[in-house]
Structures are given as structure tokens and as C-alpha cells.
PDB file of N, CA and C in Angstrom:
ATOM      1  N   MET A   1    -154.824 106.797  30.185  1.00  0.00           N
ATOM      2  CA  MET A   1    -154.706 106.921  31.738  1.00  0.00           C
ATOM      3  C   MET A   1    -154.484 105.288  32.140  1.00  0.00           C
ATOM      4  N   PRO A   2    -153.268 105.169  32.507  1.00  0.00           N
ATOM      5  CA  PRO A   2    -152.689 103.679  32.787  1.00  0.00           C
ATOM      6  C   PRO A   2    -153.863 102.962  33.879  1.00  0.00           C
ATOM      7  N   GLN A   3    -154.031 103.698  34.877  1.00  0.00           N
ATOM      8  CA  GLN A   3    -154.991 103.080  35.996  1.00  0.00           C
ATOM      9  C   GLN A   3    -156.243 102.390  35.618  1.00  0.00           C
ATOM     10  N   LEU A   4    -156.684 102.788  34.338  1.00  0.00           N
ATOM     11  CA  LEU A   4    -157.923 102.271  33.893  1.00  0.00           C
ATOM     12  C   LEU A   4    -157.671 100.824  33.334  1.00  0.00           C
ATOM     13  N   ASN A   5    -156.480 100.444  32.948  1.00  0.00           N
ATOM     14  CA  ASN A   5    -156.351  99.258  32.232  1.00  0.00           C
ATOM     15  C   ASN A   5    -156.366  98.089  33.499  1.00  0.00           C
ATOM     16  N   PRO A   6    -157.367  97.348  33.527  1.00  0.00           N
ATOM     17  CA  PRO A   6    -157.323  96.435  34.598  1.00  0.00           C
ATOM     18  C   PRO A   6    -156.543  95.111  34.553  1.00  0.00           C
ATOM     19  N   ALA A   7    -155.768  94.965  33.471  1.00  0.00           N
ATOM     20  CA  ALA A   7    -155.176  93.805  33.192  1.00  0.00           C
ATOM     21  C   ALA A   7    -154.069  93.752  34.279  1.00  0.00           C
ATOM     22  N   PRO A   8    -152.897  94.388  34.497  1.00  0.00           N
ATOM     23  CA  PRO A   8    -151.977  94.130  35.381  1.00  0.00           C
ATOM     24  C   PRO A   8    -152.690  94.033  36.732  1.00  0.00           C
ATOM     25  N   TRP A   9    -153.355  94.531  37.190  1.00  0.00           N
ATOM     26  CA  TRP A   9    -153.914  94.896  38.596  1.00  0.00           C
ATOM     27  C   TRP A   9    -154.899  93.691  38.887  1.00  0.00           C
ATOM     28  N   LEU A  10    -155.426  93.418  37.974  1.00  0.00           N
ATOM     29  CA  LEU A  10    -156.389  92.222  38.150  1.00  0.00           C
ATOM     30  C   LEU A  10    -155.676  90.686  38.572  1.00  0.00           C
ATOM     31  N   ALA A  11    -154.638  90.752  37.566  1.00  0.00           N
ATOM     32  CA  ALA A  11    -153.661  89.435  37.527  1.00  0.00           C
ATOM     33  C   ALA A  11    -152.729  89.553  39.020  1.00  0.00           C
ATOM     34  N   ILE A  12    -152.350  90.682  39.592  1.00  0.00           N
ATOM     35  CA  ILE A  12    -151.988  90.679  40.717  1.00  0.00           C
ATOM     36  C   ILE A  12    -152.579  90.496  41.881  1.00  0.00           C
ATOM     37  N   LEU A  13    -154.010  90.960  41.989  1.00  0.00           N
ATOM     38  CA  LEU A  13    -155.226  90.666  42.846  1.00  0.00           C
ATOM     39  C   LEU A  13    -155.343  89.023  42.831  1.00  0.00           C
ATOM     40  N   VAL A  14    -155.471  88.726  41.633  1.00  0.00           N
ATOM     41  CA  VAL A  14    -155.886  87.153  41.708  1.00  0.00           C
ATOM     42  C   VAL A  14    -154.619  86.207  42.223  1.00  0.00           C
ATOM     43  N   PHE A  15    -153.542  86.432  41.708  1.00  0.00           N
ATOM     44  CA  PHE A  15    -152.209  85.800  42.020  1.00  0.00           C
ATOM     45  C   PHE A  15    -152.072  86.079  43.742  1.00  0.00           C
ATOM     46  N   SER A  16    -152.193  87.183  44.328  1.00  0.00           N
ATOM     47  CA  SER A  16    -152.135  87.305  45.526  1.00  0.00           C
ATOM     48  C   SER A  16    -152.981  86.736  46.552  1.00  0.00           C
ATOM     49  N   TRP A  17    -154.401  86.598  45.958  1.00  0.00           N
ATOM     50  CA  TRP A  17    -155.270  85.783  46.606  1.00  0.00           C
ATOM     51  C   TRP A  17    -155.188  84.196  46.381  1.00  0.00           C
ATOM     52  N   LEU A  18    -154.599  83.785  45.429  1.00  0.00           N
ATOM     53  CA  LEU A  18    -154.153  82.302  45.245  1.00  0.00           C
ATOM     54  C   LEU A  18    -153.186  81.900  46.187  1.00  0.00           C
ATOM     55  N   ILE A  19    -152.146  82.820  46.353  1.00  0.00           N
ATOM     56  CA  ILE A  19    -151.082  82.773  47.237  1.00  0.00           C
ATOM     57  C   ILE A  19    -151.475  82.433  48.682  1.00  0.00           C
ATOM     58  N   PHE A  20    -152.067  83.439  48.865  1.00  0.00           N
ATOM     59  CA  PHE A  20    -153.258  83.478  50.332  1.00  0.00           C
ATOM     60  C   PHE A  20    -153.796  82.300  50.603  1.00  0.00           C
ATOM     61  N   LEU A  21    -154.664  81.986  49.700  1.00  0.00           N
ATOM     62  CA  LEU A  21    -155.574  80.603  50.047  1.00  0.00           C
ATOM     63  C   LEU A  21    -154.793  79.452  49.958  1.00  0.00           C
ATOM     64  N   ILE A  22    -153.763  79.336  48.999  1.00  0.00           N
ATOM     65  CA  ILE A  22    -153.315  77.963  48.778  1.00  0.00           C
ATOM     66  C   ILE A  22    -151.922  77.818  49.953  1.00  0.00           C
ATOM     67  N   ILE A  23    -151.312  78.917  50.396  1.00  0.00           N
ATOM     68  CA  ILE A  23    -150.047  78.781  51.176  1.00  0.00           C
ATOM     69  C   ILE A  23    -150.254  79.103  52.408  1.00  0.00           C
ATOM     70  N   VAL A  24    -150.874  80.202  52.510  1.00  0.00           N
ATOM     71  CA  VAL A  24    -150.969  80.991  54.076  1.00  0.00           C
ATOM     72  C   VAL A  24    -151.857  80.295  54.770  1.00  0.00           C
ATOM     73  N   ILE A  25    -153.130  80.132  54.405  1.00  0.00           N
ATOM     74  CA  ILE A  25    -154.040  79.586  55.251  1.00  0.00           C
ATOM     75  C   ILE A  25    -153.967  78.061  55.773  1.00  0.00           C
ATOM     76  N   PRO A  26    -153.467  77.199  55.048  1.00  0.00           N
ATOM     77  CA  PRO A  26    -153.088  75.829  55.582  1.00  0.00           C
ATOM     78  C   PRO A  26    -151.764  75.854  56.641  1.00  0.00           C
ATOM     79  N   LYS A  27    -151.153  76.892  56.534  1.00  0.00           N
ATOM     80  CA  LYS A  27    -149.902  77.035  57.519  1.00  0.00           C
ATOM     81  C   LYS A  27    -150.418  77.630  58.687  1.00  0.00           C
ATOM     82  N   VAL A  28    -151.438  78.378  58.742  1.00  0.00           N
ATOM     83  CA  VAL A  28    -152.175  79.064  59.970  1.00  0.00           C
ATOM     84  C   VAL A  28    -153.059  78.114  60.562  1.00  0.00           C
ATOM     85  N   MET A  29    -153.548  77.549  59.911  1.00  0.00           N
ATOM     86  CA  MET A  29    -154.689  76.290  60.566  1.00  0.00           C
ATOM     87  C   MET A  29    -153.938  75.053  60.919  1.00  0.00           C
ATOM     88  N   ALA A  30    -152.802  74.984  60.622  1.00  0.00           N
ATOM     89  CA  ALA A  30    -151.936  73.832  60.931  1.00  0.00           C
ATOM     90  C   ALA A  30    -151.157  73.973  62.442  1.00  0.00           C
ATOM     91  N   HIS A  31    -151.338  75.343  62.907  1.00  0.00           N
ATOM     92  CA  HIS A  31    -150.683  75.755  63.905  1.00  0.00           C
ATOM     93  C   HIS A  31    -151.262  75.076  65.159  1.00  0.00           C
ATOM     94  N   THR A  32    -150.482  74.528  66.125  1.00  0.00           N
ATOM     95  CA  THR A  32    -150.911  74.013  67.334  1.00  0.00           C
ATOM     96  C   THR A  32    -150.379  74.627  68.507  1.00  0.00           C
ATOM     97  N   PHE A  33    -151.120  74.594  69.626  1.00  0.00           N
ATOM     98  CA  PHE A  33    -150.683  75.318  70.708  1.00  0.00           C
ATOM     99  C   PHE A  33    -149.787  74.235  71.773  1.00  0.00           C
ATOM    100  N   PRO A  34    -148.785  74.600  72.475  1.00  0.00           N
ATOM    101  CA  PRO A  34    -147.968  73.923  73.111  1.00  0.00           C
ATOM    102  C   PRO A  34    -148.578  73.315  74.273  1.00  0.00           C
ATOM    103  N   ASN A  35    -149.786  73.956  74.961  1.00  0.00           N
ATOM    104  CA  ASN A  35    -150.487  73.224  75.950  1.00  0.00           C
ATOM    105  C   ASN A  35    -151.844  73.704  75.468  1.00  0.00           C
ATOM    106  N   GLU A  36    -152.508  72.502  75.127  1.00  0.00           N
ATOM    107  CA  GLU A  36    -153.825  72.267  74.872  1.00  0.00           C
ATOM    108  C   GLU A  36    -154.785  72.625  76.135  1.00  0.00           C
ATOM    109  N   PRO A  37    -155.726  73.555  76.116  1.00  0.00           N
ATOM    110  CA  PRO A  37    -156.615  73.791  77.263  1.00  0.00           C
ATOM    111  C   PRO A  37    -157.384  72.319  77.520  1.00  0.00           C
ATOM    112  N   SER A  38    -157.532  72.398  79.070  1.00  0.00           N
ATOM    113  CA  SER A  38    -158.164  71.243  79.586  1.00  0.00           C
ATOM    114  C   SER A  38    -159.453  71.671  79.852  1.00  0.00           C
ATOM    115  N   PRO A  39    -160.477  70.932  79.606  1.00  0.00           N
ATOM    116  CA  PRO A  39    -161.892  71.425  79.965  1.00  0.00           C
ATOM    117  C   PRO A  39    -162.395  71.371  81.477  1.00  0.00           C
ATOM    118  N   GLN A  40    -162.842  72.400  81.905  1.00  0.00           N
ATOM    119  CA  GLN A  40    -163.065  72.780  83.151  1.00  0.00           C
ATOM    120  C   GLN A  40    -164.460  72.152  83.607  1.00  0.00           C
ATOM    121  N   SER A  41    -164.725  71.867  84.924  1.00  0.00           N
ATOM    122  CA  SER A  41    -165.576  71.621  85.290  1.00  0.00           C
ATOM    123  C   SER A  41    -166.852  72.543  85.315  1.00  0.00           C
ATOM    124  N   THR A  42    -168.056  72.124  84.912  1.00  0.00           N
ATOM    125  CA  THR A  42    -169.134  73.340  84.809  1.00  0.00           C
ATOM    126  C   THR A  42    -169.701  73.560  86.438  1.00  0.00           C
ATOM    127  N   GLU A  43    -169.346  72.627  87.263  1.00  0.00           N
ATOM    128  CA  GLU A  43    -169.862  72.938  88.640  1.00  0.00           C
ATOM    129  C   GLU A  43    -169.022  74.055  89.388  1.00  0.00           C
ATOM    130  N   LYS A  44    -169.909  74.755  90.148  1.00  0.00           N
ATOM    131  CA  LYS A  44    -169.073  75.985  90.671  1.00  0.00           C
ATOM    132  C   LYS A  44    -168.614  75.598  92.182  1.00  0.00           C
ATOM    133  N   PRO A  45    -167.391  76.273  92.339  1.00  0.00           N
ATOM    134  CA  PRO A  45    -166.999  75.788  93.743  1.00  0.00           C
ATOM    135  C   PRO A  45    -167.718  76.361  94.792  1.00  0.00           C
ATOM    136  N   LYS A  46    -167.848  75.332  95.837  1.00  0.00           N
ATOM    137  CA  LYS A  46    -168.742  75.934  97.116  1.00  0.00           C
ATOM    138  C   LYS A  46    -168.001  76.816  97.834  1.00  0.00           C
ATOM    139  N   GLY A  47    -168.765  78.076  97.996  1.00  0.00           N
ATOM    140  CA  GLY A  47    -167.908  79.160  98.756  1.00  0.00           C
ATOM    141  C   GLY A  47    -168.486  79.060 100.180  1.00  0.00           C
ATOM    142  N   GLU A  48    -167.514  79.568 100.976  1.00  0.00           N
ATOM    143  CA  GLU A  48    -167.925  79.624 102.435  1.00  0.00           C
ATOM    144  C   GLU A  48    -167.981  81.042 102.819  1.00  0.00           C
ATOM    145  N   PRO A  49    -168.845  81.346 103.841  1.00  0.00           N
ATOM    146  CA  PRO A  49    -168.928  82.774 104.317  1.00  0.00           C
ATOM    147  C   PRO A  49    -167.774  83.308 104.899  1.00  0.00           C
ATOM    148  N   TRP A  50    -167.479  84.583 104.621  1.00  0.00           N
ATOM    149  CA  TRP A  50    -166.267  85.087 105.224  1.00  0.00           C
ATOM    150  C   TRP A  50    -166.512  85.482 106.702  1.00  0.00           C
ATOM    151  N   ASN A  51    -165.540  85.284 107.473  1.00  0.00           N
ATOM    152  CA  ASN A  51    -165.848  85.674 109.120  1.00  0.00           C
ATOM    153  C   ASN A  51    -164.975  86.987 109.154  1.00  0.00           C
ATOM    154  N   TRP A  52    -165.980  88.110 109.288  1.00  0.00           N
ATOM    155  CA  TRP A  52    -165.301  89.311 109.450  1.00  0.00           C
ATOM    156  C   TRP A  52    -164.887  89.849 110.836  1.00  0.00           C
ATOM    157  N   PRO A  53    -163.719  89.985 111.253  1.00  0.00           N
ATOM    158  CA  PRO A  53    -163.199  90.330 112.618  1.00  0.00           C
ATOM    159  C   PRO A  53    -163.726  91.530 113.221  1.00  0.00           C
ATOM    160  N   TRP A  54    -164.480  92.592 112.614  1.00  0.00           N
ATOM    161  CA  TRP A  54    -164.728  93.648 113.311  1.00  0.00           C
ATOM    162  C   TRP A  54    -166.038  93.940 113.590  1.00  0.00           C
ATOM    163  N   TYR A  55    -166.923  92.856 113.703  1.00  0.00           N
ATOM    164  CA  TYR A  55    -168.193  93.032 114.169  1.00  0.00           C
ATOM    165  C   TYR A  55    -168.448  92.011 115.213  1.00  0.00           C
TER     166      TYR A  55
END
């Protein structure tokens, strides 16, 4: 049974993980966003009560 021979499949697995770890991950991690988010104030805005016209 050829599927019990791990030699070609192990090599394919190892090489694909090496390509993933060496090439793909640094490219993804180097991605920058065009608009960096600015930090928001932690202070809540002061809300005013609504003036309901029907009472």
C-alpha cells in the first residue's frame, strides 16, 4: 500500500510548512494599514436630556 509509505508525504508536509513559515508569515506581518487608528479618549461625552415635545 503506497499510502503507508510516509517518505513523500512527510517531505511535502515539511517543505510546505517551511515555505509557510519563511515566506508567507513575514509578508503578512509586514502589512500596514493605510489609515492607522487614532487613540480615542476614554472620557465619555456628556449627554443632555432629550426634550420630548409630547408631554
